[in-house]
């Protein structure tokens, strides 16, 4: 198995601020669910975890099939 250097992760103050805002917003939604969406999880999208955070640089996002080369001919 090939090995590579670990990826360095840098957390900026913008990342922390975005996290704190999201956490506070989530707490408020949990306290007052009647003001938010009905059901609470109706707005949850599992693919949101794959989207870049607000402070991240935009990068090309490929599907799993594109990454492993399934369906490519040529």
C-alpha atoms as a PDB file:
ATOM      1  CA  UNK A   1       0.000   0.000   0.000  1.00  0.00           C
ATOM      2  CA  UNK A   2       1.290   3.432  -0.912  1.00  0.00           C
ATOM      3  CA  UNK A   3       1.721   6.023   1.778  1.00  0.00           C
ATOM      4  CA  UNK A   4       1.763   9.779   1.587  1.00  0.00           C
ATOM      5  CA  UNK A   5       2.300  12.642   3.973  1.00  0.00           C
ATOM      6  CA  UNK A   6      -0.706  13.524   6.135  1.00  0.00           C
ATOM      7  CA  UNK A   7      -2.786  16.422   4.891  1.00  0.00           C
ATOM      8  CA  UNK A   8      -2.298  19.577   6.938  1.00  0.00           C
ATOM      9  CA  UNK A   9      -5.544  21.194   8.057  1.00  0.00           C
ATOM     10  CA  UNK A  10      -5.725  24.870   8.884  1.00  0.00           C
ATOM     11  CA  UNK A  11      -8.643  26.284  10.868  1.00  0.00           C
ATOM     12  CA  UNK A  12      -9.179  29.997  10.380  1.00  0.00           C
ATOM     13  CA  UNK A  13     -11.115  32.444  12.526  1.00  0.00           C
ATOM     14  CA  UNK A  14     -13.728  32.569   9.737  1.00  0.00           C
ATOM     15  CA  UNK A  15     -14.180  28.797  10.039  1.00  0.00           C
ATOM     16  CA  UNK A  16     -14.699  29.117  13.782  1.00  0.00           C
ATOM     17  CA  UNK A  17     -17.184  31.984  13.351  1.00  0.00           C
ATOM     18  CA  UNK A  18     -19.189  30.026  10.762  1.00  0.00           C
ATOM     19  CA  UNK A  19     -19.221  26.979  13.058  1.00  0.00           C
ATOM     20  CA  UNK A  20     -20.372  29.022  16.053  1.00  0.00           C
ATOM     21  CA  UNK A  21     -23.145  30.705  14.036  1.00  0.00           C
ATOM     22  CA  UNK A  22     -24.373  27.348  12.751  1.00  0.00           C
ATOM     23  CA  UNK A  23     -24.290  25.869  16.254  1.00  0.00           C
ATOM     24  CA  UNK A  24     -26.261  28.786  17.726  1.00  0.00           C
ATOM     25  CA  UNK A  25     -28.776  28.634  14.863  1.00  0.00           C
ATOM     26  CA  UNK A  26     -29.225  24.881  15.438  1.00  0.00           C
ATOM     27  CA  UNK A  27     -29.767  25.426  19.179  1.00  0.00           C
ATOM     28  CA  UNK A  28     -32.399  28.078  18.458  1.00  0.00           C
ATOM     29  CA  UNK A  29     -34.190  25.750  16.024  1.00  0.00           C
ATOM     30  CA  UNK A  30     -34.212  23.018  18.675  1.00  0.00           C
ATOM     31  CA  UNK A  31     -35.656  25.414  21.272  1.00  0.00           C
ATOM     32  CA  UNK A  32     -38.400  26.720  18.951  1.00  0.00           C
ATOM     33  CA  UNK A  33     -39.208  24.012  16.387  1.00  0.00           C
ATOM     34  CA  UNK A  34     -42.637  25.514  15.593  1.00  0.00           C
ATOM     35  CA  UNK A  35     -40.947  28.604  14.118  1.00  0.00           C
ATOM     36  CA  UNK A  36     -38.627  26.597  11.860  1.00  0.00           C
ATOM     37  CA  UNK A  37     -39.426  23.871   9.389  1.00  0.00           C
ATOM     38  CA  UNK A  38     -42.041  21.357  10.409  1.00  0.00           C
ATOM     39  CA  UNK A  39     -40.426  18.059  11.307  1.00  0.00           C
ATOM     40  CA  UNK A  40     -36.937  19.392  11.945  1.00  0.00           C
ATOM     41  CA  UNK A  41     -35.169  16.917   9.645  1.00  0.00           C
ATOM     42  CA  UNK A  42     -37.204  17.703   6.528  1.00  0.00           C
ATOM     43  CA  UNK A  43     -34.474  20.109   5.423  1.00  0.00           C
ATOM     44  CA  UNK A  44     -31.570  17.701   6.007  1.00  0.00           C
ATOM     45  CA  UNK A  45     -29.575  16.812   2.907  1.00  0.00           C
ATOM     46  CA  UNK A  46     -26.918  14.096   3.379  1.00  0.00           C
ATOM     47  CA  UNK A  47     -24.861  15.518   0.520  1.00  0.00           C
ATOM     48  CA  UNK A  48     -24.396  18.757   2.508  1.00  0.00           C
ATOM     49  CA  UNK A  49     -21.481  17.049   4.241  1.00  0.00           C
ATOM     50  CA  UNK A  50     -19.668  16.884   0.903  1.00  0.00           C
ATOM     51  CA  UNK A  51     -20.068  20.573   0.129  1.00  0.00           C
ATOM     52  CA  UNK A  52     -17.174  22.928   0.947  1.00  0.00           C
ATOM     53  CA  UNK A  53     -17.430  25.109   4.025  1.00  0.00           C
ATOM     54  CA  UNK A  54     -18.023  28.857   3.518  1.00  0.00           C
ATOM     55  CA  UNK A  55     -14.343  29.747   3.968  1.00  0.00           C
ATOM     56  CA  UNK A  56     -13.004  27.006   1.705  1.00  0.00           C
ATOM     57  CA  UNK A  57     -11.684  27.658  -1.765  1.00  0.00           C
ATOM     58  CA  UNK A  58     -13.958  26.340  -4.484  1.00  0.00           C
ATOM     59  CA  UNK A  59     -12.695  23.152  -6.044  1.00  0.00           C
ATOM     60  CA  UNK A  60     -13.924  20.687  -8.571  1.00  0.00           C
ATOM     61  CA  UNK A  61     -16.201  18.130  -6.954  1.00  0.00           C
ATOM     62  CA  UNK A  62     -16.440  14.833  -8.775  1.00  0.00           C
ATOM     63  CA  UNK A  63     -18.870  12.014  -8.187  1.00  0.00           C
ATOM     64  CA  UNK A  64     -17.684   8.672  -6.880  1.00  0.00           C
ATOM     65  CA  UNK A  65     -17.998   7.145 -10.356  1.00  0.00           C
ATOM     66  CA  UNK A  66     -15.875   9.916 -11.875  1.00  0.00           C
ATOM     67  CA  UNK A  67     -13.196   9.477  -9.214  1.00  0.00           C
ATOM     68  CA  UNK A  68     -12.836   5.733  -9.733  1.00  0.00           C
ATOM     69  CA  UNK A  69     -13.266   5.910 -13.517  1.00  0.00           C
ATOM     70  CA  UNK A  70     -16.446   3.857 -13.882  1.00  0.00           C
ATOM     71  CA  UNK A  71     -18.203   4.429 -17.169  1.00  0.00           C
ATOM     72  CA  UNK A  72     -15.221   6.035 -18.907  1.00  0.00           C
ATOM     73  CA  UNK A  73     -14.583   4.655 -22.347  1.00  0.00           C
ATOM     74  CA  UNK A  74     -11.329   5.570 -24.020  1.00  0.00           C
END
